[in-house]
């Protein structure tokens, strides 16, 4: 019995783990619309994945993450006001644009292998995502 419970815990933990590579996969064009919270979680996971790639010096993967972040920013900008948390209704368009701009900057700095500008793009992304919290 103990062995079965232990195995179950390990399986659940393994299933809930997401690799950085899977976090930056673009959504298919026919995907179901995601909620604001799902998009925010996706964006946070993409930034975390991009940072992991950055630490590995995997610049091409940082570029791919930047493209996925641009897609997420575009989708965040399309969330209907009534589907947004009250705190975000007045600023969602501005914040989605900031994510978009930082994602573009991240892609450009990754192509140039510019560590300083990449770090600045991450700072901008992290501050904007922090501001996007629902609570």
C-alpha atoms as a PDB file:
ATOM      1  CA  UNK A   1       0.000   0.000   0.000  1.00  0.00           C
ATOM      2  CA  UNK A   2       2.771   2.440   0.927  1.00  0.00           C
ATOM      3  CA  UNK A   3       4.537   1.653  -2.291  1.00  0.00           C
ATOM      4  CA  UNK A   4       1.382   2.383  -4.313  1.00  0.00           C
ATOM      5  CA  UNK A   5       0.842   5.719  -2.561  1.00  0.00           C
ATOM      6  CA  UNK A   6       4.488   6.664  -3.100  1.00  0.00           C
ATOM      7  CA  UNK A   7       4.271   5.755  -6.776  1.00  0.00           C
ATOM      8  CA  UNK A   8       1.065   7.761  -7.136  1.00  0.00           C
ATOM      9  CA  UNK A   9       2.713  10.840  -5.611  1.00  0.00           C
ATOM     10  CA  UNK A  10       5.693  10.530  -7.952  1.00  0.00           C
ATOM     11  CA  UNK A  11       3.412  10.147 -10.984  1.00  0.00           C
ATOM     12  CA  UNK A  12       1.341  13.186 -10.035  1.00  0.00           C
ATOM     13  CA  UNK A  13       4.462  15.275  -9.464  1.00  0.00           C
ATOM     14  CA  UNK A  14       5.937  14.206 -12.803  1.00  0.00           C
ATOM     15  CA  UNK A  15       2.705  14.940 -14.656  1.00  0.00           C
ATOM     16  CA  UNK A  16       2.482  18.442 -13.219  1.00  0.00           C
ATOM     17  CA  UNK A  17       6.022  19.381 -14.262  1.00  0.00           C
ATOM     18  CA  UNK A  18       6.357  21.409 -17.408  1.00  0.00           C
ATOM     19  CA  UNK A  19       9.606  21.591 -19.293  1.00  0.00           C
ATOM     20  CA  UNK A  20      10.769  24.986 -20.528  1.00  0.00           C
ATOM     21  CA  UNK A  21      10.519  23.701 -24.090  1.00  0.00           C
ATOM     22  CA  UNK A  22       6.829  22.828 -23.712  1.00  0.00           C
ATOM     23  CA  UNK A  23       6.023  26.203 -22.139  1.00  0.00           C
ATOM     24  CA  UNK A  24       7.004  28.091 -25.277  1.00  0.00           C
ATOM     25  CA  UNK A  25       5.076  26.031 -27.817  1.00  0.00           C
ATOM     26  CA  UNK A  26       2.772  28.335 -29.791  1.00  0.00           C
ATOM     27  CA  UNK A  27      -0.935  27.752 -29.539  1.00  0.00           C
ATOM     28  CA  UNK A  28      -2.535  26.238 -32.628  1.00  0.00           C
ATOM     29  CA  UNK A  29      -4.730  28.642 -34.628  1.00  0.00           C
ATOM     30  CA  UNK A  30      -7.876  26.649 -33.809  1.00  0.00           C
ATOM     31  CA  UNK A  31      -7.213  26.464 -30.050  1.00  0.00           C
ATOM     32  CA  UNK A  32     -10.012  27.244 -27.626  1.00  0.00           C
ATOM     33  CA  UNK A  33      -9.795  30.778 -26.206  1.00  0.00           C
ATOM     34  CA  UNK A  34      -7.963  30.921 -22.891  1.00  0.00           C
ATOM     35  CA  UNK A  35      -9.168  32.854 -19.869  1.00  0.00           C
ATOM     36  CA  UNK A  36      -7.250  35.862 -18.593  1.00  0.00           C
ATOM     37  CA  UNK A  37      -5.781  33.820 -15.740  1.00  0.00           C
ATOM     38  CA  UNK A  38      -4.753  31.008 -18.098  1.00  0.00           C
ATOM     39  CA  UNK A  39      -3.062  33.514 -20.410  1.00  0.00           C
ATOM     40  CA  UNK A  40      -1.327  35.177 -17.480  1.00  0.00           C
ATOM     41  CA  UNK A  41      -0.079  31.802 -16.216  1.00  0.00           C
ATOM     42  CA  UNK A  42       1.063  30.923 -19.736  1.00  0.00           C
ATOM     43  CA  UNK A  43       2.924  34.220 -20.040  1.00  0.00           C
ATOM     44  CA  UNK A  44       4.636  33.718 -16.672  1.00  0.00           C
ATOM     45  CA  UNK A  45       5.683  30.198 -17.681  1.00  0.00           C
ATOM     46  CA  UNK A  46       7.036  31.501 -20.991  1.00  0.00           C
ATOM     47  CA  UNK A  47       9.128  34.157 -19.261  1.00  0.00           C
ATOM     48  CA  UNK A  48      10.464  31.551 -16.823  1.00  0.00           C
ATOM     49  CA  UNK A  49      11.325  29.257 -19.734  1.00  0.00           C
ATOM     50  CA  UNK A  50      13.037  32.087 -21.612  1.00  0.00           C
ATOM     51  CA  UNK A  51      15.107  32.854 -18.529  1.00  0.00           C
ATOM     52  CA  UNK A  52      16.124  29.208 -18.280  1.00  0.00           C
ATOM     53  CA  UNK A  53      17.212  29.275 -21.930  1.00  0.00           C
ATOM     54  CA  UNK A  54      19.113  32.503 -21.270  1.00  0.00           C
ATOM     55  CA  UNK A  55      21.016  30.909 -18.388  1.00  0.00           C
ATOM     56  CA  UNK A  56      21.935  28.021 -20.709  1.00  0.00           C
ATOM     57  CA  UNK A  57      23.084  30.466 -23.425  1.00  0.00           C
ATOM     58  CA  UNK A  58      20.485  28.921 -25.747  1.00  0.00           C
ATOM     59  CA  UNK A  59      19.885  32.101 -27.695  1.00  0.00           C
ATOM     60  CA  UNK A  60      17.787  30.481 -30.431  1.00  0.00           C
ATOM     61  CA  UNK A  61      15.413  29.149 -27.777  1.00  0.00           C
ATOM     62  CA  UNK A  62      15.218  32.602 -26.178  1.00  0.00           C
ATOM     63  CA  UNK A  63      14.146  33.908 -29.597  1.00  0.00           C
ATOM     64  CA  UNK A  64      11.475  31.187 -29.829  1.00  0.00           C
ATOM     65  CA  UNK A  65      10.230  32.075 -26.357  1.00  0.00           C
ATOM     66  CA  UNK A  66      10.023  35.725 -27.415  1.00  0.00           C
ATOM     67  CA  UNK A  67       7.796  34.752 -30.354  1.00  0.00           C
ATOM     68  CA  UNK A  68       5.527  32.751 -28.053  1.00  0.00           C
ATOM     69  CA  UNK A  69       5.381  35.708 -25.663  1.00  0.00           C
ATOM     70  CA  UNK A  70       4.311  37.923 -28.550  1.00  0.00           C
ATOM     71  CA  UNK A  71       1.462  35.511 -29.288  1.00  0.00           C
ATOM     72  CA  UNK A  72       0.413  35.525 -25.628  1.00  0.00           C
ATOM     73  CA  UNK A  73       0.532  39.336 -25.534  1.00  0.00           C
ATOM     74  CA  UNK A  74      -1.680  39.494 -28.608  1.00  0.00           C
ATOM     75  CA  UNK A  75      -4.191  37.141 -26.981  1.00  0.00           C
ATOM     76  CA  UNK A  76      -4.084  39.098 -23.705  1.00  0.00           C
ATOM     77  CA  UNK A  77      -5.007  42.214 -25.666  1.00  0.00           C
ATOM     78  CA  UNK A  78      -8.073  40.442 -27.072  1.00  0.00           C
ATOM     79  CA  UNK A  79      -9.609  39.400 -23.743  1.00  0.00           C
ATOM     80  CA  UNK A  80     -13.030  41.030 -23.435  1.00  0.00           C
ATOM     81  CA  UNK A  81     -13.305  43.633 -20.659  1.00  0.00           C
ATOM     82  CA  UNK A  82     -16.105  41.703 -18.975  1.00  0.00           C
ATOM     83  CA  UNK A  83     -13.811  38.650 -18.758  1.00  0.00           C
ATOM     84  CA  UNK A  84     -11.050  40.596 -16.997  1.00  0.00           C
ATOM     85  CA  UNK A  85     -10.604  40.892 -13.240  1.00  0.00           C
ATOM     86  CA  UNK A  86     -11.985  44.254 -12.060  1.00  0.00           C
ATOM     87  CA  UNK A  87      -8.498  45.498 -11.219  1.00  0.00           C
ATOM     88  CA  UNK A  88      -7.346  44.952 -14.818  1.00  0.00           C
ATOM     89  CA  UNK A  89     -10.237  46.392 -16.803  1.00  0.00           C
ATOM     90  CA  UNK A  90      -8.771  49.875 -17.177  1.00  0.00           C
ATOM     91  CA  UNK A  91      -5.196  48.873 -17.881  1.00  0.00           C
ATOM     92  CA  UNK A  92      -5.302  45.554 -19.752  1.00  0.00           C
ATOM     93  CA  UNK A  93      -4.654  47.058 -23.194  1.00  0.00           C
ATOM     94  CA  UNK A  94      -1.662  49.041 -21.958  1.00  0.00           C
ATOM     95  CA  UNK A  95      -0.198  46.040 -20.124  1.00  0.00           C
ATOM     96  CA  UNK A  96      -0.662  43.711 -23.108  1.00  0.00           C
ATOM     97  CA  UNK A  97       1.137  46.288 -25.263  1.00  0.00           C
ATOM     98  CA  UNK A  98       3.985  46.444 -22.739  1.00  0.00           C
ATOM     99  CA  UNK A  99       4.339  42.650 -22.828  1.00  0.00           C
ATOM    100  CA  UNK A 100       4.341  42.806 -26.638  1.00  0.00           C
ATOM    101  CA  UNK A 101       7.043  45.492 -26.715  1.00  0.00           C
ATOM    102  CA  UNK A 102       9.212  43.678 -24.152  1.00  0.00           C
ATOM    103  CA  UNK A 103       8.824  40.397 -26.058  1.00  0.00           C
ATOM    104  CA  UNK A 104       9.966  42.083 -29.279  1.00  0.00           C
ATOM    105  CA  UNK A 105      12.933  43.601 -27.412  1.00  0.00           C
ATOM    106  CA  UNK A 106      13.739  40.171 -25.970  1.00  0.00           C
ATOM    107  CA  UNK A 107      13.773  38.610 -29.432  1.00  0.00           C
ATOM    108  CA  UNK A 108      15.968  41.358 -30.867  1.00  0.00           C
ATOM    109  CA  UNK A 109      18.451  41.227 -27.993  1.00  0.00           C
ATOM    110  CA  UNK A 110      18.586  37.422 -28.187  1.00  0.00           C
ATOM    111  CA  UNK A 111      19.371  37.572 -31.913  1.00  0.00           C
ATOM    112  CA  UNK A 112      22.224  39.967 -31.095  1.00  0.00           C
ATOM    113  CA  UNK A 113      23.342  37.838 -28.107  1.00  0.00           C
ATOM    114  CA  UNK A 114      23.210  41.040 -26.057  1.00  0.00           C
ATOM    115  CA  UNK A 115      23.213  40.023 -22.400  1.00  0.00           C
ATOM    116  CA  UNK A 116      22.492  43.492 -21.006  1.00  0.00           C
ATOM    117  CA  UNK A 117      19.526  44.224 -23.287  1.00  0.00           C
ATOM    118  CA  UNK A 118      18.172  40.718 -22.738  1.00  0.00           C
ATOM    119  CA  UNK A 119      18.310  41.288 -18.993  1.00  0.00           C
ATOM    120  CA  UNK A 120      16.506  44.613 -19.418  1.00  0.00           C
ATOM    121  CA  UNK A 121      13.777  42.913 -21.461  1.00  0.00           C
ATOM    122  CA  UNK A 122      13.341  40.313 -18.710  1.00  0.00           C
ATOM    123  CA  UNK A 123      13.074  43.064 -16.118  1.00  0.00           C
ATOM    124  CA  UNK A 124      10.372  44.798 -18.139  1.00  0.00           C
ATOM    125  CA  UNK A 125       8.472  41.530 -18.633  1.00  0.00           C
ATOM    126  CA  UNK A 126       8.631  40.596 -14.956  1.00  0.00           C
ATOM    127  CA  UNK A 127       7.488  44.021 -13.768  1.00  0.00           C
ATOM    128  CA  UNK A 128       4.608  44.099 -16.250  1.00  0.00           C
ATOM    129  CA  UNK A 129       3.463  40.577 -15.394  1.00  0.00           C
ATOM    130  CA  UNK A 130       3.596  41.457 -11.708  1.00  0.00           C
ATOM    131  CA  UNK A 131       1.300  44.405 -12.455  1.00  0.00           C
ATOM    132  CA  UNK A 132      -1.106  42.100 -14.313  1.00  0.00           C
ATOM    133  CA  UNK A 133      -1.982  40.046 -11.237  1.00  0.00           C
ATOM    134  CA  UNK A 134      -5.693  39.575 -10.720  1.00  0.00           C
ATOM    135  CA  UNK A 135      -5.754  40.280  -6.974  1.00  0.00           C
END
